[in-house]
PDB file of all heavy atoms in Angstrom:
ATOM      1  N   ALA A   1      12.092 -12.222 199.218  1.00  0.00           N
ATOM      2  CA  ALA A   1      10.848 -11.902 199.594  1.00  0.00           C
ATOM      3  C   ALA A   1      10.324 -10.411 199.226  1.00  0.00           C
ATOM      4  O   ALA A   1       9.112 -10.278 198.983  1.00  0.00           O
ATOM      5  CB  ALA A   1      10.598 -11.968 201.196  1.00  0.00           C
ATOM      6  N   GLN A   2      11.229  -9.509 199.232  1.00  0.00           N
ATOM      7  CA  GLN A   2      11.010  -8.236 198.644  1.00  0.00           C
ATOM      8  C   GLN A   2       9.637  -7.687 199.523  1.00  0.00           C
ATOM      9  O   GLN A   2       8.803  -7.196 198.896  1.00  0.00           O
ATOM     10  CB  GLN A   2      10.704  -8.147 197.281  1.00  0.00           C
ATOM     11  CG  GLN A   2      11.908  -8.287 196.397  1.00  0.00           C
ATOM     12  CD  GLN A   2      12.786  -7.124 196.436  1.00  0.00           C
ATOM     13  OE1 GLN A   2      12.426  -6.123 195.922  1.00  0.00           O
ATOM     14  NE2 GLN A   2      14.002  -7.469 196.820  1.00  0.00           N
ATOM     15  N   LEU A   3       9.834  -7.682 200.810  1.00  0.00           N
ATOM     16  CA  LEU A   3       8.811  -7.076 201.635  1.00  0.00           C
ATOM     17  C   LEU A   3       8.720  -5.517 201.537  1.00  0.00           C
ATOM     18  O   LEU A   3       9.664  -4.947 201.348  1.00  0.00           O
ATOM     19  CB  LEU A   3       9.046  -7.528 203.188  1.00  0.00           C
ATOM     20  CG  LEU A   3       9.134  -8.975 203.359  1.00  0.00           C
ATOM     21  CD1 LEU A   3       9.297  -9.306 204.913  1.00  0.00           C
ATOM     22  CD2 LEU A   3       7.843  -9.800 202.958  1.00  0.00           C
ATOM     23  N   ASP A   4       7.444  -5.032 201.606  1.00  0.00           N
ATOM     24  CA  ASP A   4       7.307  -3.567 201.439  1.00  0.00           C
ATOM     25  C   ASP A   4       7.789  -2.758 202.649  1.00  0.00           C
ATOM     26  O   ASP A   4       8.382  -1.678 202.399  1.00  0.00           O
ATOM     27  CB  ASP A   4       5.853  -3.346 201.183  1.00  0.00           C
ATOM     28  CG  ASP A   4       5.218  -4.030 199.823  1.00  0.00           C
ATOM     29  OD1 ASP A   4       4.993  -5.197 199.925  1.00  0.00           O
ATOM     30  OD2 ASP A   4       5.495  -3.381 198.886  1.00  0.00           O
ATOM     31  N   ARG A   5       7.516  -3.287 203.836  1.00  0.00           N
ATOM     32  CA  ARG A   5       7.784  -2.484 205.100  1.00  0.00           C
ATOM     33  C   ARG A   5       8.564  -3.464 206.107  1.00  0.00           C
ATOM     34  O   ARG A   5       7.939  -4.442 206.327  1.00  0.00           O
ATOM     35  CB  ARG A   5       6.686  -1.903 205.814  1.00  0.00           C
ATOM     36  CG  ARG A   5       5.902  -0.809 204.807  1.00  0.00           C
ATOM     37  CD  ARG A   5       6.757   0.371 204.520  1.00  0.00           C
ATOM     38  NE  ARG A   5       5.991   1.529 203.923  1.00  0.00           N
ATOM     39  CZ  ARG A   5       6.510   2.627 203.544  1.00  0.00           C
ATOM     40  NH1 ARG A   5       7.830   2.777 203.582  1.00  0.00           N
ATOM     41  NH2 ARG A   5       5.738   3.559 202.969  1.00  0.00           N
ATOM     42  N   VAL A   6       9.571  -3.139 206.669  1.00  0.00           N
ATOM     43  CA  VAL A   6      10.227  -4.061 207.521  1.00  0.00           C
ATOM     44  C   VAL A   6      10.809  -3.155 208.684  1.00  0.00           C
ATOM     45  O   VAL A   6      11.465  -2.183 208.470  1.00  0.00           O
ATOM     46  CB  VAL A   6      11.363  -4.644 206.859  1.00  0.00           C
ATOM     47  CG1 VAL A   6      12.331  -5.504 207.820  1.00  0.00           C
ATOM     48  CG2 VAL A   6      10.939  -5.583 205.797  1.00  0.00           C
ATOM     49  N   GLY A   7      10.569  -3.770 209.964  1.00  0.00           N
ATOM     50  CA  GLY A   7      11.198  -3.296 211.109  1.00  0.00           C
ATOM     51  C   GLY A   7      12.080  -4.330 211.695  1.00  0.00           C
ATOM     52  O   GLY A   7      11.838  -5.568 211.533  1.00  0.00           O
ATOM     53  N   ALA A   8      13.123  -3.867 212.289  1.00  0.00           N
ATOM     54  CA  ALA A   8      14.163  -4.821 212.806  1.00  0.00           C
ATOM     55  C   ALA A   8      14.420  -4.418 214.333  1.00  0.00           C
ATOM     56  O   ALA A   8      14.428  -3.318 214.697  1.00  0.00           O
ATOM     57  CB  ALA A   8      15.444  -4.874 212.105  1.00  0.00           C
ATOM     58  N   PHE A   9      14.679  -5.483 215.084  1.00  0.00           N
ATOM     59  CA  PHE A   9      14.859  -5.186 216.559  1.00  0.00           C
ATOM     60  C   PHE A   9      16.169  -6.128 217.002  1.00  0.00           C
ATOM     61  O   PHE A   9      16.350  -7.285 216.709  1.00  0.00           O
ATOM     62  CB  PHE A   9      13.754  -5.616 217.422  1.00  0.00           C
ATOM     63  CG  PHE A   9      12.507  -4.859 216.920  1.00  0.00           C
ATOM     64  CD1 PHE A   9      11.641  -5.466 215.952  1.00  0.00           C
ATOM     65  CD2 PHE A   9      12.096  -3.674 217.562  1.00  0.00           C
ATOM     66  CE1 PHE A   9      10.521  -4.732 215.549  1.00  0.00           C
ATOM     67  CE2 PHE A   9      10.967  -3.020 217.188  1.00  0.00           C
ATOM     68  CZ  PHE A   9      10.053  -3.625 216.263  1.00  0.00           C
ATOM     69  N   ARG A  10      17.014  -5.455 217.835  1.00  0.00           N
ATOM     70  CA  ARG A  10      18.204  -6.328 218.347  1.00  0.00           C
ATOM     71  C   ARG A  10      17.483  -7.084 219.491  1.00  0.00           C
ATOM     72  O   ARG A  10      16.686  -6.710 220.274  1.00  0.00           O
ATOM     73  CB  ARG A  10      19.169  -5.431 218.882  1.00  0.00           C
ATOM     74  CG  ARG A  10      19.651  -4.329 217.861  1.00  0.00           C
ATOM     75  CD  ARG A  10      20.301  -3.216 218.693  1.00  0.00           C
ATOM     76  NE  ARG A  10      20.535  -2.039 217.833  1.00  0.00           N
ATOM     77  CZ  ARG A  10      19.752  -1.002 217.554  1.00  0.00           C
ATOM     78  NH1 ARG A  10      18.526  -1.138 217.946  1.00  0.00           N
ATOM     79  NH2 ARG A  10      20.123   0.073 216.760  1.00  0.00           N
ATOM     80  N   PHE A  11      17.896  -8.406 219.608  1.00  0.00           N
ATOM     81  CA  PHE A  11      17.351  -9.255 220.704  1.00  0.00           C
ATOM     82  C   PHE A  11      17.727  -8.689 221.992  1.00  0.00           C
ATOM     83  O   PHE A  11      18.833  -8.235 222.180  1.00  0.00           O
ATOM     84  CB  PHE A  11      17.987 -10.595 220.578  1.00  0.00           C
ATOM     85  CG  PHE A  11      17.581 -11.530 221.768  1.00  0.00           C
ATOM     86  CD1 PHE A  11      16.282 -12.009 221.955  1.00  0.00           C
ATOM     87  CD2 PHE A  11      18.606 -11.699 222.777  1.00  0.00           C
ATOM     88  CE1 PHE A  11      16.048 -12.732 223.160  1.00  0.00           C
ATOM     89  CE2 PHE A  11      18.218 -12.401 223.882  1.00  0.00           C
ATOM     90  CZ  PHE A  11      16.971 -12.961 224.079  1.00  0.00           C
ATOM     91  N   GLU A  12      16.706  -8.563 222.977  1.00  0.00           N
ATOM     92  CA  GLU A  12      16.823  -7.962 224.193  1.00  0.00           C
ATOM     93  C   GLU A  12      16.300  -9.043 225.205  1.00  0.00           C
ATOM     94  O   GLU A  12      15.170  -9.332 225.227  1.00  0.00           O
ATOM     95  CB  GLU A  12      16.182  -6.672 224.267  1.00  0.00           C
ATOM     96  CG  GLU A  12      16.387  -5.918 225.518  1.00  0.00           C
ATOM     97  CD  GLU A  12      15.669  -4.575 225.443  1.00  0.00           C
ATOM     98  OE1 GLU A  12      15.641  -4.013 224.425  1.00  0.00           O
ATOM     99  OE2 GLU A  12      15.058  -4.144 226.501  1.00  0.00           O
ATOM    100  N   PRO A  13      17.096  -9.424 226.149  1.00  0.00           N
ATOM    101  CA  PRO A  13      16.643 -10.297 227.148  1.00  0.00           C
ATOM    102  C   PRO A  13      15.374  -9.633 227.967  1.00  0.00           C
ATOM    103  O   PRO A  13      15.435  -8.481 228.255  1.00  0.00           O
ATOM    104  CB  PRO A  13      17.688 -10.564 228.138  1.00  0.00           C
ATOM    105  CG  PRO A  13      18.861 -10.361 227.279  1.00  0.00           C
ATOM    106  CD  PRO A  13      18.553  -9.194 226.360  1.00  0.00           C
ATOM    107  N   VAL A  14      14.365 -10.441 228.174  1.00  0.00           N
ATOM    108  CA  VAL A  14      13.203  -9.861 228.958  1.00  0.00           C
ATOM    109  C   VAL A  14      13.002 -10.763 230.208  1.00  0.00           C
ATOM    110  O   VAL A  14      13.024 -12.063 230.060  1.00  0.00           O
ATOM    111  CB  VAL A  14      11.915  -9.937 228.144  1.00  0.00           C
ATOM    112  CG1 VAL A  14      10.695  -9.409 228.900  1.00  0.00           C
ATOM    113  CG2 VAL A  14      12.176  -9.080 226.906  1.00  0.00           C
ATOM    114  N   GLU A  15      12.961 -10.280 231.320  1.00  0.00           N
ATOM    115  CA  GLU A  15      12.759 -11.084 232.610  1.00  0.00           C
ATOM    116  C   GLU A  15      11.526 -11.932 232.426  1.00  0.00           C
ATOM    117  O   GLU A  15      10.509 -11.534 232.063  1.00  0.00           O
ATOM    118  CB  GLU A  15      12.538 -10.070 233.745  1.00  0.00           C
ATOM    119  CG  GLU A  15      12.526 -10.825 235.071  1.00  0.00           C
ATOM    120  CD  GLU A  15      12.429 -10.022 236.302  1.00  0.00           C
ATOM    121  OE1 GLU A  15      12.593  -8.684 236.056  1.00  0.00           O
ATOM    122  OE2 GLU A  15      12.115 -10.360 237.373  1.00  0.00           O
ATOM    123  N   GLY A  16      11.786 -13.203 232.688  1.00  0.00           N
ATOM    124  CA  GLY A  16      10.765 -14.272 232.593  1.00  0.00           C
ATOM    125  C   GLY A  16      10.650 -14.979 231.267  1.00  0.00           C
ATOM    126  O   GLY A  16       9.906 -15.964 231.079  1.00  0.00           O
ATOM    127  N   ALA A  17      11.480 -14.468 230.223  1.00  0.00           N
ATOM    128  CA  ALA A  17      11.314 -15.146 228.929  1.00  0.00           C
ATOM    129  C   ALA A  17      12.316 -16.327 228.824  1.00  0.00           C
ATOM    130  O   ALA A  17      13.460 -16.256 229.463  1.00  0.00           O
ATOM    131  CB  ALA A  17      11.795 -14.200 227.940  1.00  0.00           C
ATOM    132  N   ALA A  18      11.926 -17.452 228.135  1.00  0.00           N
ATOM    133  CA  ALA A  18      12.753 -18.633 228.203  1.00  0.00           C
ATOM    134  C   ALA A  18      13.999 -18.462 227.476  1.00  0.00           C
ATOM    135  O   ALA A  18      15.002 -19.165 227.626  1.00  0.00           O
ATOM    136  CB  ALA A  18      11.937 -19.749 227.614  1.00  0.00           C
ATOM    137  N   ALA A  19      14.021 -17.583 226.550  1.00  0.00           N
ATOM    138  CA  ALA A  19      15.101 -17.309 225.607  1.00  0.00           C
ATOM    139  C   ALA A  19      16.466 -16.882 226.440  1.00  0.00           C
ATOM    140  O   ALA A  19      17.567 -17.103 225.966  1.00  0.00           O
ATOM    141  CB  ALA A  19      14.858 -16.217 224.582  1.00  0.00           C
ATOM    142  N   ASN A  20      16.151 -16.263 227.589  1.00  0.00           N
ATOM    143  CA  ASN A  20      17.320 -15.942 228.446  1.00  0.00           C
ATOM    144  C   ASN A  20      18.169 -17.023 228.764  1.00  0.00           C
ATOM    145  O   ASN A  20      19.476 -16.928 229.035  1.00  0.00           O
ATOM    146  CB  ASN A  20      16.827 -15.240 229.571  1.00  0.00           C
ATOM    147  CG  ASN A  20      15.952 -14.018 229.421  1.00  0.00           C
ATOM    148  OD1 ASN A  20      15.906 -13.528 228.226  1.00  0.00           O
ATOM    149  ND2 ASN A  20      15.205 -13.584 230.456  1.00  0.00           N
ATOM    150  N   ASN A  21      17.656 -18.328 228.906  1.00  0.00           N
ATOM    151  CA  ASN A  21      18.469 -19.444 229.268  1.00  0.00           C
ATOM    152  C   ASN A  21      19.159 -20.166 228.160  1.00  0.00           C
ATOM    153  O   ASN A  21      19.735 -21.144 228.358  1.00  0.00           O
ATOM    154  CB  ASN A  21      17.482 -20.430 230.018  1.00  0.00           C
ATOM    155  CG  ASN A  21      16.972 -19.691 231.264  1.00  0.00           C
ATOM    156  OD1 ASN A  21      17.571 -19.054 231.922  1.00  0.00           O
ATOM    157  ND2 ASN A  21      15.523 -20.032 231.507  1.00  0.00           N
ATOM    158  N   LEU A  22      18.863 -19.765 226.928  1.00  0.00           N
ATOM    159  CA  LEU A  22      19.586 -20.355 225.744  1.00  0.00           C
ATOM    160  C   LEU A  22      21.104 -20.024 225.726  1.00  0.00           C
ATOM    161  O   LEU A  22      21.512 -19.017 226.316  1.00  0.00           O
ATOM    162  CB  LEU A  22      18.955 -19.726 224.476  1.00  0.00           C
ATOM    163  CG  LEU A  22      17.400 -20.239 224.220  1.00  0.00           C
ATOM    164  CD1 LEU A  22      16.966 -19.512 222.893  1.00  0.00           C
ATOM    165  CD2 LEU A  22      17.446 -21.795 224.044  1.00  0.00           C
ATOM    166  N   PRO A  23      21.850 -21.008 225.199  1.00  0.00           N
ATOM    167  CA  PRO A  23      23.274 -20.899 225.164  1.00  0.00           C
ATOM    168  C   PRO A  23      23.614 -19.838 223.962  1.00  0.00           C
ATOM    169  O   PRO A  23      22.805 -19.639 223.153  1.00  0.00           O
ATOM    170  CB  PRO A  23      23.895 -22.187 225.011  1.00  0.00           C
ATOM    171  CG  PRO A  23      22.759 -22.958 224.261  1.00  0.00           C
ATOM    172  CD  PRO A  23      21.505 -22.386 224.817  1.00  0.00           C
ATOM    173  N   ASP A  24      24.801 -19.447 223.784  1.00  0.00           N
ATOM    174  CA  ASP A  24      25.449 -18.836 222.700  1.00  0.00           C
ATOM    175  C   ASP A  24      24.853 -17.510 222.423  1.00  0.00           C
ATOM    176  O   ASP A  24      24.409 -17.135 221.436  1.00  0.00           O
ATOM    177  CB  ASP A  24      25.368 -19.658 221.443  1.00  0.00           C
ATOM    178  CG  ASP A  24      26.065 -20.987 221.560  1.00  0.00           C
ATOM    179  OD1 ASP A  24      27.094 -21.053 222.321  1.00  0.00           O
ATOM    180  OD2 ASP A  24      25.464 -22.090 221.183  1.00  0.00           O
TER     181      ASP A  24
END
């Protein structure tokens, strides 16, 4: 893709987010 600007974030659980209930 050769994107010009990229920011990255480590996944962080957020209270109320459905992702918190995912396995693995």
